[in-house]
């Protein structure tokens, strides 16, 4: 079971973590060659052999992460095409970085949003993109596939992605 302080392998070339997992030894032992830092608040890692790109984003439902989906997914794919490995991180490896990984899996691995979410959740059970990011992922899935596999549904705490309601269906709403 992955925790916040671990680096989770999503694919052979894609990794996901929170900031606390990042050390030079861990990056090198995982073969990470590129890092995408999806924060405003966490400083970039500076190592000679690791390329870092920043997606300057707050973990807020109002943040426009959608504008980075294509650029980040393209970067992850370019790195994979030359045999590199990309680590995408935010503070906890739960919302911002997860959303970027989901966008990549939809665009380059042909996964629907529900399949991408379940795939990443299996590798890193602590994921939970905020509601605003999930709305943007739903919009992105519609752009890519002209359909949606996740919808926003009403719950006692307001609108939530249908996958969140399914995950807690055994709880009393």
N, C-alpha and C. Protein backbone atom coordinates (compact mmCIF):
# COMPACT_ATOMS: atom_id res chain seq x y z
N UNK A 1 0.84 -1.18 0.00
CA UNK A 1 0.00 0.00 0.00
C UNK A 1 0.89 1.25 0.00
N UNK A 2 0.72 2.05 -1.02
CA UNK A 2 1.53 3.26 -1.15
C UNK A 2 1.08 4.31 -0.13
N UNK A 3 2.05 5.02 0.38
CA UNK A 3 1.74 6.11 1.30
C UNK A 3 2.22 7.43 0.69
N UNK A 4 1.94 8.49 1.40
CA UNK A 4 2.32 9.82 0.90
C UNK A 4 3.82 9.94 0.71
N UNK A 5 4.61 9.20 1.47
CA UNK A 5 6.07 9.36 1.43
C UNK A 5 6.76 8.39 0.49
N UNK A 6 6.01 7.75 -0.38
CA UNK A 6 6.60 6.81 -1.34
C UNK A 6 6.51 7.34 -2.76
N UNK A 7 7.39 6.83 -3.59
CA UNK A 7 7.31 7.06 -5.03
C UNK A 7 6.55 5.87 -5.60
N UNK A 8 5.44 6.15 -6.27
CA UNK A 8 4.60 5.09 -6.84
C UNK A 8 4.87 4.98 -8.33
N UNK A 9 5.13 3.77 -8.80
CA UNK A 9 5.34 3.55 -10.23
C UNK A 9 3.98 3.34 -10.88
N UNK A 10 3.68 4.19 -11.87
CA UNK A 10 2.40 4.12 -12.58
C UNK A 10 2.54 3.30 -13.86
N UNK A 11 3.54 3.60 -14.65
CA UNK A 11 3.88 2.82 -15.85
C UNK A 11 5.38 2.59 -15.81
N UNK A 12 5.92 1.96 -16.84
CA UNK A 12 7.36 1.73 -16.89
C UNK A 12 8.16 3.03 -16.94
N UNK A 13 7.51 4.12 -17.35
CA UNK A 13 8.23 5.39 -17.47
C UNK A 13 7.59 6.54 -16.71
N UNK A 14 6.56 6.28 -15.92
CA UNK A 14 5.85 7.33 -15.20
C UNK A 14 5.73 6.99 -13.72
N UNK A 15 6.11 7.96 -12.89
CA UNK A 15 6.08 7.80 -11.44
C UNK A 15 5.34 8.98 -10.84
N UNK A 16 4.78 8.75 -9.65
CA UNK A 16 3.96 9.75 -8.97
C UNK A 16 4.33 9.77 -7.50
N UNK A 17 4.47 10.98 -6.93
CA UNK A 17 4.80 11.06 -5.51
C UNK A 17 4.43 12.42 -4.94
N UNK A 18 4.56 12.51 -3.64
CA UNK A 18 4.52 13.77 -2.94
C UNK A 18 5.94 14.27 -2.77
N UNK A 19 6.08 15.49 -2.32
CA UNK A 19 7.40 16.12 -2.20
C UNK A 19 8.28 15.41 -1.18
N UNK A 20 7.70 14.86 -0.13
CA UNK A 20 8.51 14.24 0.93
C UNK A 20 9.23 12.98 0.44
N UNK A 21 8.81 12.42 -0.67
CA UNK A 21 9.45 11.21 -1.20
C UNK A 21 10.70 11.50 -2.01
N UNK A 22 10.93 12.76 -2.33
CA UNK A 22 11.99 13.09 -3.27
C UNK A 22 13.32 13.27 -2.58
N UNK A 23 14.21 12.34 -2.88
CA UNK A 23 15.61 12.45 -2.47
C UNK A 23 16.46 12.07 -3.68
N UNK A 24 17.68 12.51 -3.70
CA UNK A 24 18.57 12.18 -4.82
C UNK A 24 18.72 10.67 -4.95
N UNK A 25 18.88 9.97 -3.84
CA UNK A 25 19.03 8.52 -3.89
C UNK A 25 17.80 7.83 -4.47
N UNK A 26 16.62 8.25 -4.03
CA UNK A 26 15.39 7.63 -4.53
C UNK A 26 15.20 7.90 -6.03
N UNK A 27 15.47 9.12 -6.44
CA UNK A 27 15.33 9.45 -7.86
C UNK A 27 16.27 8.61 -8.70
N UNK A 28 17.51 8.55 -8.29
CA UNK A 28 18.50 7.79 -9.05
C UNK A 28 18.24 6.30 -9.03
N UNK A 29 17.85 5.76 -7.88
CA UNK A 29 17.59 4.32 -7.81
C UNK A 29 16.35 3.92 -8.62
N UNK A 30 15.43 4.85 -8.82
CA UNK A 30 14.26 4.57 -9.66
C UNK A 30 14.53 4.85 -11.13
N UNK A 31 15.68 5.43 -11.43
CA UNK A 31 16.02 5.75 -12.81
C UNK A 31 15.32 6.98 -13.35
N UNK A 32 14.85 7.83 -12.46
CA UNK A 32 14.15 9.05 -12.86
C UNK A 32 15.12 9.99 -13.58
N UNK A 33 14.71 10.46 -14.75
CA UNK A 33 15.54 11.39 -15.52
C UNK A 33 14.91 12.77 -15.62
N UNK A 34 13.59 12.84 -15.36
CA UNK A 34 12.85 14.10 -15.48
C UNK A 34 11.85 14.21 -14.33
N UNK A 35 11.63 15.42 -13.88
CA UNK A 35 10.67 15.69 -12.81
C UNK A 35 9.73 16.80 -13.26
N UNK A 36 8.44 16.61 -12.99
CA UNK A 36 7.46 17.67 -13.19
C UNK A 36 6.95 18.04 -11.81
N UNK A 37 7.27 19.25 -11.38
CA UNK A 37 6.88 19.77 -10.07
C UNK A 37 5.60 20.58 -10.25
N UNK A 38 4.49 20.05 -9.72
CA UNK A 38 3.17 20.68 -9.89
C UNK A 38 2.79 21.52 -8.68
N UNK A 39 3.69 22.37 -8.24
CA UNK A 39 3.42 23.20 -7.07
C UNK A 39 3.89 24.63 -7.28
N UNK A 40 3.42 25.47 -6.40
CA UNK A 40 3.99 26.81 -6.26
C UNK A 40 4.96 26.83 -5.09
N UNK A 41 4.67 25.98 -4.09
CA UNK A 41 5.34 26.08 -2.80
C UNK A 41 6.56 25.18 -2.58
N UNK A 42 6.76 24.15 -3.40
CA UNK A 42 7.88 23.23 -3.18
C UNK A 42 9.02 23.60 -4.13
N UNK A 43 10.21 23.84 -3.58
CA UNK A 43 11.35 24.17 -4.46
C UNK A 43 11.69 23.00 -5.39
N UNK A 44 12.23 23.34 -6.55
CA UNK A 44 12.65 22.31 -7.49
C UNK A 44 13.86 21.56 -6.95
N UNK A 45 13.98 20.30 -7.33
CA UNK A 45 15.15 19.50 -7.00
C UNK A 45 16.23 19.88 -8.02
N UNK A 46 17.43 20.11 -7.54
CA UNK A 46 18.52 20.48 -8.45
C UNK A 46 19.58 19.40 -8.43
N UNK A 47 19.55 18.58 -9.47
CA UNK A 47 20.57 17.54 -9.67
C UNK A 47 21.03 17.64 -11.11
N UNK A 48 22.33 17.48 -11.33
CA UNK A 48 22.90 17.65 -12.67
C UNK A 48 22.25 16.76 -13.72
N UNK A 49 21.87 15.55 -13.33
CA UNK A 49 21.39 14.58 -14.30
C UNK A 49 19.86 14.46 -14.37
N UNK A 50 19.15 15.40 -13.76
CA UNK A 50 17.69 15.35 -13.77
C UNK A 50 17.14 16.69 -14.26
N UNK A 51 16.31 16.60 -15.28
CA UNK A 51 15.68 17.78 -15.87
C UNK A 51 14.37 18.06 -15.13
N UNK A 52 14.14 19.30 -14.74
CA UNK A 52 12.94 19.66 -13.97
C UNK A 52 12.11 20.69 -14.73
N UNK A 53 10.80 20.44 -14.77
CA UNK A 53 9.83 21.37 -15.34
C UNK A 53 8.82 21.67 -14.24
N UNK A 54 8.38 22.89 -14.18
CA UNK A 54 7.39 23.27 -13.16
C UNK A 54 6.05 23.57 -13.81
N UNK A 55 5.02 23.04 -13.18
CA UNK A 55 3.63 23.38 -13.49
C UNK A 55 3.17 24.18 -12.27
N UNK A 56 3.25 25.50 -12.34
CA UNK A 56 3.00 26.34 -11.17
C UNK A 56 1.50 26.41 -10.84
N UNK A 57 1.07 25.60 -9.89
CA UNK A 57 -0.36 25.46 -9.66
C UNK A 57 -0.66 25.33 -8.17
N UNK A 58 -1.71 26.01 -7.73
CA UNK A 58 -2.22 25.82 -6.38
C UNK A 58 -3.17 24.63 -6.39
N UNK A 59 -3.28 23.94 -5.24
CA UNK A 59 -4.24 22.84 -5.12
C UNK A 59 -5.58 23.44 -4.72
N UNK A 60 -6.18 24.11 -5.69
CA UNK A 60 -7.45 24.79 -5.48
C UNK A 60 -8.41 24.36 -6.58
N UNK A 61 -9.68 24.10 -6.25
CA UNK A 61 -10.64 23.74 -7.29
C UNK A 61 -10.76 24.79 -8.39
N UNK A 62 -10.37 26.02 -8.11
CA UNK A 62 -10.45 27.10 -9.10
C UNK A 62 -9.21 27.22 -9.97
N UNK A 63 -8.15 26.51 -9.66
CA UNK A 63 -6.93 26.56 -10.47
C UNK A 63 -7.17 25.93 -11.83
N UNK A 64 -6.57 26.50 -12.85
CA UNK A 64 -6.78 26.06 -14.24
C UNK A 64 -5.69 25.07 -14.67
N UNK A 65 -5.71 23.89 -14.06
CA UNK A 65 -4.73 22.85 -14.38
C UNK A 65 -4.91 22.34 -15.81
N UNK A 66 -6.14 22.42 -16.33
CA UNK A 66 -6.45 21.96 -17.69
C UNK A 66 -5.45 22.53 -18.71
N UNK A 67 -5.05 23.77 -18.52
CA UNK A 67 -4.16 24.42 -19.48
C UNK A 67 -2.80 23.73 -19.58
N UNK A 68 -2.48 22.87 -18.61
CA UNK A 68 -1.20 22.15 -18.62
C UNK A 68 -1.34 20.69 -19.02
N UNK A 69 -2.55 20.18 -19.19
CA UNK A 69 -2.72 18.75 -19.48
C UNK A 69 -1.95 18.32 -20.72
N UNK A 70 -2.14 19.00 -21.84
CA UNK A 70 -1.47 18.60 -23.08
C UNK A 70 0.04 18.76 -22.98
N UNK A 71 0.47 19.90 -22.48
CA UNK A 71 1.91 20.18 -22.40
C UNK A 71 2.63 19.15 -21.52
N UNK A 72 2.06 18.86 -20.36
CA UNK A 72 2.68 17.90 -19.44
C UNK A 72 2.62 16.48 -20.01
N UNK A 73 1.48 16.10 -20.58
CA UNK A 73 1.35 14.76 -21.17
C UNK A 73 2.33 14.59 -22.32
N UNK A 74 2.47 15.61 -23.15
CA UNK A 74 3.42 15.55 -24.26
C UNK A 74 4.84 15.38 -23.75
N UNK A 75 5.17 16.09 -22.70
CA UNK A 75 6.52 16.00 -22.12
C UNK A 75 6.79 14.59 -21.59
N UNK A 76 5.83 14.04 -20.85
CA UNK A 76 5.98 12.68 -20.32
C UNK A 76 6.18 11.69 -21.46
N UNK A 77 5.42 11.85 -22.53
CA UNK A 77 5.53 10.95 -23.68
C UNK A 77 6.88 11.11 -24.38
N UNK A 78 7.35 12.34 -24.54
CA UNK A 78 8.66 12.58 -25.18
C UNK A 78 9.78 11.93 -24.37
N UNK A 79 9.70 12.04 -23.06
CA UNK A 79 10.73 11.43 -22.20
C UNK A 79 10.67 9.91 -22.33
N UNK A 80 9.47 9.34 -22.32
CA UNK A 80 9.32 7.89 -22.44
C UNK A 80 9.85 7.39 -23.79
N UNK A 81 9.63 8.17 -24.84
CA UNK A 81 10.04 7.77 -26.19
C UNK A 81 11.56 7.61 -26.32
N UNK A 82 12.31 8.30 -25.47
CA UNK A 82 13.78 8.17 -25.52
C UNK A 82 14.31 7.34 -24.36
N UNK A 83 13.43 6.61 -23.71
CA UNK A 83 13.85 5.70 -22.64
C UNK A 83 13.99 6.34 -21.27
N UNK A 84 13.53 7.57 -21.13
CA UNK A 84 13.61 8.23 -19.83
C UNK A 84 12.42 7.91 -18.95
N UNK A 85 12.50 8.39 -17.72
CA UNK A 85 11.43 8.19 -16.74
C UNK A 85 11.10 9.52 -16.08
N UNK A 86 9.81 9.78 -15.96
CA UNK A 86 9.33 11.04 -15.39
C UNK A 86 8.65 10.81 -14.07
N UNK A 87 9.02 11.61 -13.08
CA UNK A 87 8.32 11.66 -11.80
C UNK A 87 7.48 12.93 -11.79
N UNK A 88 6.19 12.77 -11.56
CA UNK A 88 5.29 13.92 -11.41
C UNK A 88 4.97 14.02 -9.93
N UNK A 89 5.18 15.20 -9.34
CA UNK A 89 4.90 15.34 -7.92
C UNK A 89 4.21 16.65 -7.62
N UNK A 90 3.53 16.66 -6.48
CA UNK A 90 3.00 17.88 -5.89
C UNK A 90 3.36 17.80 -4.41
N UNK A 91 2.62 18.39 -3.53
CA UNK A 91 2.98 18.33 -2.11
C UNK A 91 2.78 16.92 -1.56
N UNK A 92 1.58 16.33 -1.81
CA UNK A 92 1.26 15.02 -1.24
C UNK A 92 1.15 13.90 -2.26
N UNK A 93 1.16 14.22 -3.55
CA UNK A 93 0.99 13.17 -4.56
C UNK A 93 -0.44 12.67 -4.59
N UNK A 94 -1.39 13.57 -4.38
CA UNK A 94 -2.79 13.19 -4.26
C UNK A 94 -3.66 13.87 -5.32
N UNK A 95 -3.48 15.15 -5.57
CA UNK A 95 -4.43 15.90 -6.39
C UNK A 95 -3.80 16.45 -7.68
N UNK A 96 -2.92 17.43 -7.58
CA UNK A 96 -2.36 18.07 -8.77
C UNK A 96 -1.58 17.09 -9.63
N UNK A 97 -0.60 16.42 -9.04
CA UNK A 97 0.24 15.49 -9.81
C UNK A 97 -0.57 14.31 -10.33
N UNK A 98 -1.52 13.84 -9.54
CA UNK A 98 -2.39 12.75 -9.99
C UNK A 98 -3.17 13.18 -11.23
N UNK A 99 -3.68 14.39 -11.23
CA UNK A 99 -4.46 14.88 -12.37
C UNK A 99 -3.63 14.91 -13.65
N UNK A 100 -2.38 15.31 -13.53
CA UNK A 100 -1.48 15.32 -14.69
C UNK A 100 -1.26 13.88 -15.18
N UNK A 101 -1.06 12.95 -14.27
CA UNK A 101 -0.87 11.55 -14.67
C UNK A 101 -2.12 11.00 -15.36
N UNK A 102 -3.29 11.34 -14.85
CA UNK A 102 -4.54 10.89 -15.47
C UNK A 102 -4.68 11.44 -16.89
N UNK A 103 -4.33 12.71 -17.06
CA UNK A 103 -4.39 13.32 -18.40
C UNK A 103 -3.45 12.58 -19.36
N UNK A 104 -2.25 12.26 -18.89
CA UNK A 104 -1.30 11.52 -19.73
C UNK A 104 -1.86 10.16 -20.13
N UNK A 105 -2.39 9.43 -19.17
CA UNK A 105 -2.91 8.09 -19.47
C UNK A 105 -4.07 8.15 -20.46
N UNK A 106 -4.88 9.17 -20.36
CA UNK A 106 -5.97 9.32 -21.33
C UNK A 106 -5.43 9.65 -22.72
N UNK A 107 -4.50 10.60 -22.78
CA UNK A 107 -4.02 11.06 -24.08
C UNK A 107 -3.12 10.04 -24.77
N UNK A 108 -2.20 9.43 -24.03
CA UNK A 108 -1.20 8.58 -24.67
C UNK A 108 -1.37 7.09 -24.45
N UNK A 109 -2.15 6.69 -23.50
CA UNK A 109 -2.36 5.26 -23.27
C UNK A 109 -3.78 4.83 -23.66
N UNK A 110 -4.56 5.76 -24.19
CA UNK A 110 -5.89 5.44 -24.69
C UNK A 110 -6.89 5.03 -23.62
N UNK A 111 -6.62 5.41 -22.38
CA UNK A 111 -7.52 5.03 -21.29
C UNK A 111 -8.65 6.05 -21.15
N UNK A 112 -9.81 5.55 -20.78
CA UNK A 112 -10.89 6.46 -20.39
C UNK A 112 -10.53 7.04 -19.03
N UNK A 113 -11.23 8.05 -18.63
CA UNK A 113 -10.95 8.65 -17.32
C UNK A 113 -11.19 7.66 -16.19
N UNK A 114 -12.27 6.91 -16.24
CA UNK A 114 -12.55 5.94 -15.18
C UNK A 114 -11.46 4.87 -15.12
N UNK A 115 -11.02 4.40 -16.29
CA UNK A 115 -9.96 3.38 -16.31
C UNK A 115 -8.63 3.94 -15.83
N UNK A 116 -8.31 5.16 -16.25
CA UNK A 116 -7.07 5.80 -15.81
C UNK A 116 -7.10 6.00 -14.29
N UNK A 117 -8.22 6.47 -13.78
CA UNK A 117 -8.35 6.68 -12.34
C UNK A 117 -8.15 5.37 -11.59
N UNK A 118 -8.82 4.32 -12.00
CA UNK A 118 -8.68 3.02 -11.32
C UNK A 118 -7.26 2.48 -11.43
N UNK A 119 -6.62 2.70 -12.57
CA UNK A 119 -5.25 2.24 -12.80
C UNK A 119 -4.28 2.93 -11.83
N UNK A 120 -4.41 4.24 -11.72
CA UNK A 120 -3.52 4.99 -10.83
C UNK A 120 -3.87 4.69 -9.37
N UNK A 121 -5.13 4.57 -9.06
CA UNK A 121 -5.58 4.28 -7.69
C UNK A 121 -5.01 2.94 -7.21
N UNK A 122 -4.89 1.98 -8.11
CA UNK A 122 -4.32 0.68 -7.75
C UNK A 122 -2.84 0.82 -7.38
N UNK A 123 -2.13 1.67 -8.11
CA UNK A 123 -0.70 1.88 -7.84
C UNK A 123 -0.47 2.81 -6.65
N UNK A 124 -1.40 3.74 -6.43
CA UNK A 124 -1.25 4.74 -5.37
C UNK A 124 -2.63 5.01 -4.75
N UNK A 125 -3.02 4.20 -3.79
CA UNK A 125 -4.37 4.29 -3.23
C UNK A 125 -4.74 5.62 -2.58
N UNK A 126 -3.77 6.47 -2.28
CA UNK A 126 -4.06 7.74 -1.60
C UNK A 126 -4.51 8.85 -2.55
N UNK A 127 -4.63 8.59 -3.85
CA UNK A 127 -4.99 9.66 -4.78
C UNK A 127 -6.41 10.16 -4.53
N UNK A 128 -6.60 11.46 -4.78
CA UNK A 128 -7.93 12.06 -4.69
C UNK A 128 -7.88 13.49 -5.25
N UNK A 129 -7.90 13.61 -6.60
CA UNK A 129 -7.90 14.95 -7.18
C UNK A 129 -9.07 15.78 -6.65
N UNK A 130 -8.82 17.07 -6.44
CA UNK A 130 -9.91 17.91 -5.95
C UNK A 130 -11.02 18.00 -7.00
N UNK A 131 -12.19 18.41 -6.56
CA UNK A 131 -13.38 18.42 -7.40
C UNK A 131 -13.18 19.28 -8.65
N UNK A 132 -12.52 20.41 -8.51
CA UNK A 132 -12.28 21.27 -9.66
C UNK A 132 -11.40 20.60 -10.70
N UNK A 133 -10.36 19.90 -10.25
CA UNK A 133 -9.49 19.19 -11.19
C UNK A 133 -10.25 18.06 -11.86
N UNK A 134 -11.11 17.39 -11.11
CA UNK A 134 -11.89 16.30 -11.71
C UNK A 134 -12.83 16.85 -12.78
N UNK A 135 -13.43 18.00 -12.55
CA UNK A 135 -14.28 18.61 -13.57
C UNK A 135 -13.47 18.88 -14.84
N UNK A 136 -12.23 19.34 -14.66
CA UNK A 136 -11.37 19.62 -15.80
C UNK A 136 -10.96 18.32 -16.52
N UNK A 137 -10.74 17.25 -15.76
CA UNK A 137 -10.43 15.96 -16.37
C UNK A 137 -11.63 15.42 -17.15
N UNK A 138 -12.82 15.63 -16.65
CA UNK A 138 -14.04 15.23 -17.36
C UNK A 138 -14.13 15.99 -18.68
N UNK A 139 -13.85 17.28 -18.63
CA UNK A 139 -13.83 18.10 -19.85
C UNK A 139 -12.77 17.61 -20.83
N UNK A 140 -11.60 17.25 -20.30
CA UNK A 140 -10.50 16.76 -21.14
C UNK A 140 -10.87 15.43 -21.79
N UNK A 141 -11.50 14.54 -21.03
CA UNK A 141 -11.94 13.26 -21.60
C UNK A 141 -12.94 13.51 -22.73
N UNK A 142 -13.83 14.46 -22.55
CA UNK A 142 -14.81 14.80 -23.58
C UNK A 142 -14.10 15.30 -24.84
N UNK A 143 -13.08 16.12 -24.65
CA UNK A 143 -12.29 16.63 -25.78
C UNK A 143 -11.59 15.48 -26.53
N UNK A 144 -11.01 14.55 -25.78
CA UNK A 144 -10.26 13.46 -26.39
C UNK A 144 -11.14 12.40 -27.04
N UNK A 145 -12.24 12.04 -26.37
CA UNK A 145 -13.02 10.88 -26.78
C UNK A 145 -14.47 11.19 -27.14
N UNK A 146 -14.87 12.44 -26.98
CA UNK A 146 -16.26 12.84 -27.26
C UNK A 146 -17.26 12.04 -26.43
N UNK A 147 -16.86 11.65 -25.24
CA UNK A 147 -17.75 10.96 -24.30
C UNK A 147 -17.18 11.11 -22.89
N UNK A 148 -17.96 10.75 -21.91
CA UNK A 148 -17.49 10.80 -20.53
C UNK A 148 -17.81 9.51 -19.81
N UNK A 149 -16.84 9.04 -19.03
CA UNK A 149 -17.03 7.83 -18.23
C UNK A 149 -17.16 8.17 -16.75
N UNK A 150 -16.90 9.43 -16.40
CA UNK A 150 -17.08 9.93 -15.04
C UNK A 150 -17.96 11.16 -15.16
N UNK A 151 -18.88 11.31 -14.24
CA UNK A 151 -19.75 12.48 -14.20
C UNK A 151 -19.69 13.08 -12.81
N UNK A 152 -20.18 14.27 -12.69
CA UNK A 152 -20.33 14.89 -11.38
C UNK A 152 -21.71 14.55 -10.86
N UNK A 153 -21.78 14.07 -9.62
CA UNK A 153 -23.05 13.66 -9.02
C UNK A 153 -23.24 14.36 -7.69
N UNK A 154 -24.48 14.52 -7.31
CA UNK A 154 -24.80 15.17 -6.04
C UNK A 154 -24.50 14.25 -4.87
N UNK A 155 -24.02 14.84 -3.79
CA UNK A 155 -23.76 14.11 -2.55
C UNK A 155 -24.08 15.04 -1.39
N UNK A 156 -24.06 14.55 -0.18
CA UNK A 156 -24.31 15.42 0.97
C UNK A 156 -23.30 16.57 1.12
N UNK A 157 -22.13 16.43 0.49
CA UNK A 157 -21.12 17.49 0.58
C UNK A 157 -21.06 18.32 -0.71
N UNK A 158 -22.06 18.17 -1.57
CA UNK A 158 -22.09 18.89 -2.83
C UNK A 158 -21.77 17.96 -3.99
N UNK A 159 -21.44 18.55 -5.13
CA UNK A 159 -21.14 17.77 -6.32
C UNK A 159 -19.76 17.12 -6.18
N UNK A 160 -19.69 15.82 -6.50
CA UNK A 160 -18.45 15.06 -6.45
C UNK A 160 -18.38 14.17 -7.70
N UNK A 161 -17.18 13.74 -8.07
CA UNK A 161 -17.07 12.81 -9.20
C UNK A 161 -17.76 11.49 -8.85
N UNK A 162 -18.41 10.89 -9.83
CA UNK A 162 -19.14 9.64 -9.60
C UNK A 162 -18.24 8.55 -9.02
N UNK A 163 -16.95 8.56 -9.35
CA UNK A 163 -16.04 7.53 -8.79
C UNK A 163 -15.89 7.69 -7.28
N UNK A 164 -15.96 8.91 -6.77
CA UNK A 164 -15.86 9.10 -5.32
C UNK A 164 -17.10 8.57 -4.62
N UNK A 165 -18.24 8.79 -5.23
CA UNK A 165 -19.48 8.29 -4.63
C UNK A 165 -19.51 6.76 -4.67
N UNK A 166 -19.02 6.18 -5.77
CA UNK A 166 -18.95 4.72 -5.87
C UNK A 166 -18.02 4.14 -4.81
N UNK A 167 -16.88 4.80 -4.59
CA UNK A 167 -15.92 4.31 -3.59
C UNK A 167 -16.47 4.31 -2.20
N UNK A 168 -17.36 5.22 -1.92
CA UNK A 168 -17.92 5.32 -0.57
C UNK A 168 -19.37 4.86 -0.50
N UNK A 169 -19.80 4.09 -1.49
CA UNK A 169 -21.20 3.68 -1.54
C UNK A 169 -21.59 2.82 -0.33
N UNK A 170 -20.61 2.18 0.28
CA UNK A 170 -20.91 1.40 1.47
C UNK A 170 -21.09 2.28 2.71
N UNK A 171 -20.69 3.56 2.61
CA UNK A 171 -20.89 4.49 3.73
C UNK A 171 -22.28 5.09 3.65
N UNK A 172 -22.77 5.57 4.73
CA UNK A 172 -24.08 6.20 4.74
C UNK A 172 -23.96 7.62 4.21
N UNK A 173 -24.69 7.93 3.17
CA UNK A 173 -24.69 9.27 2.60
C UNK A 173 -25.74 10.02 3.31
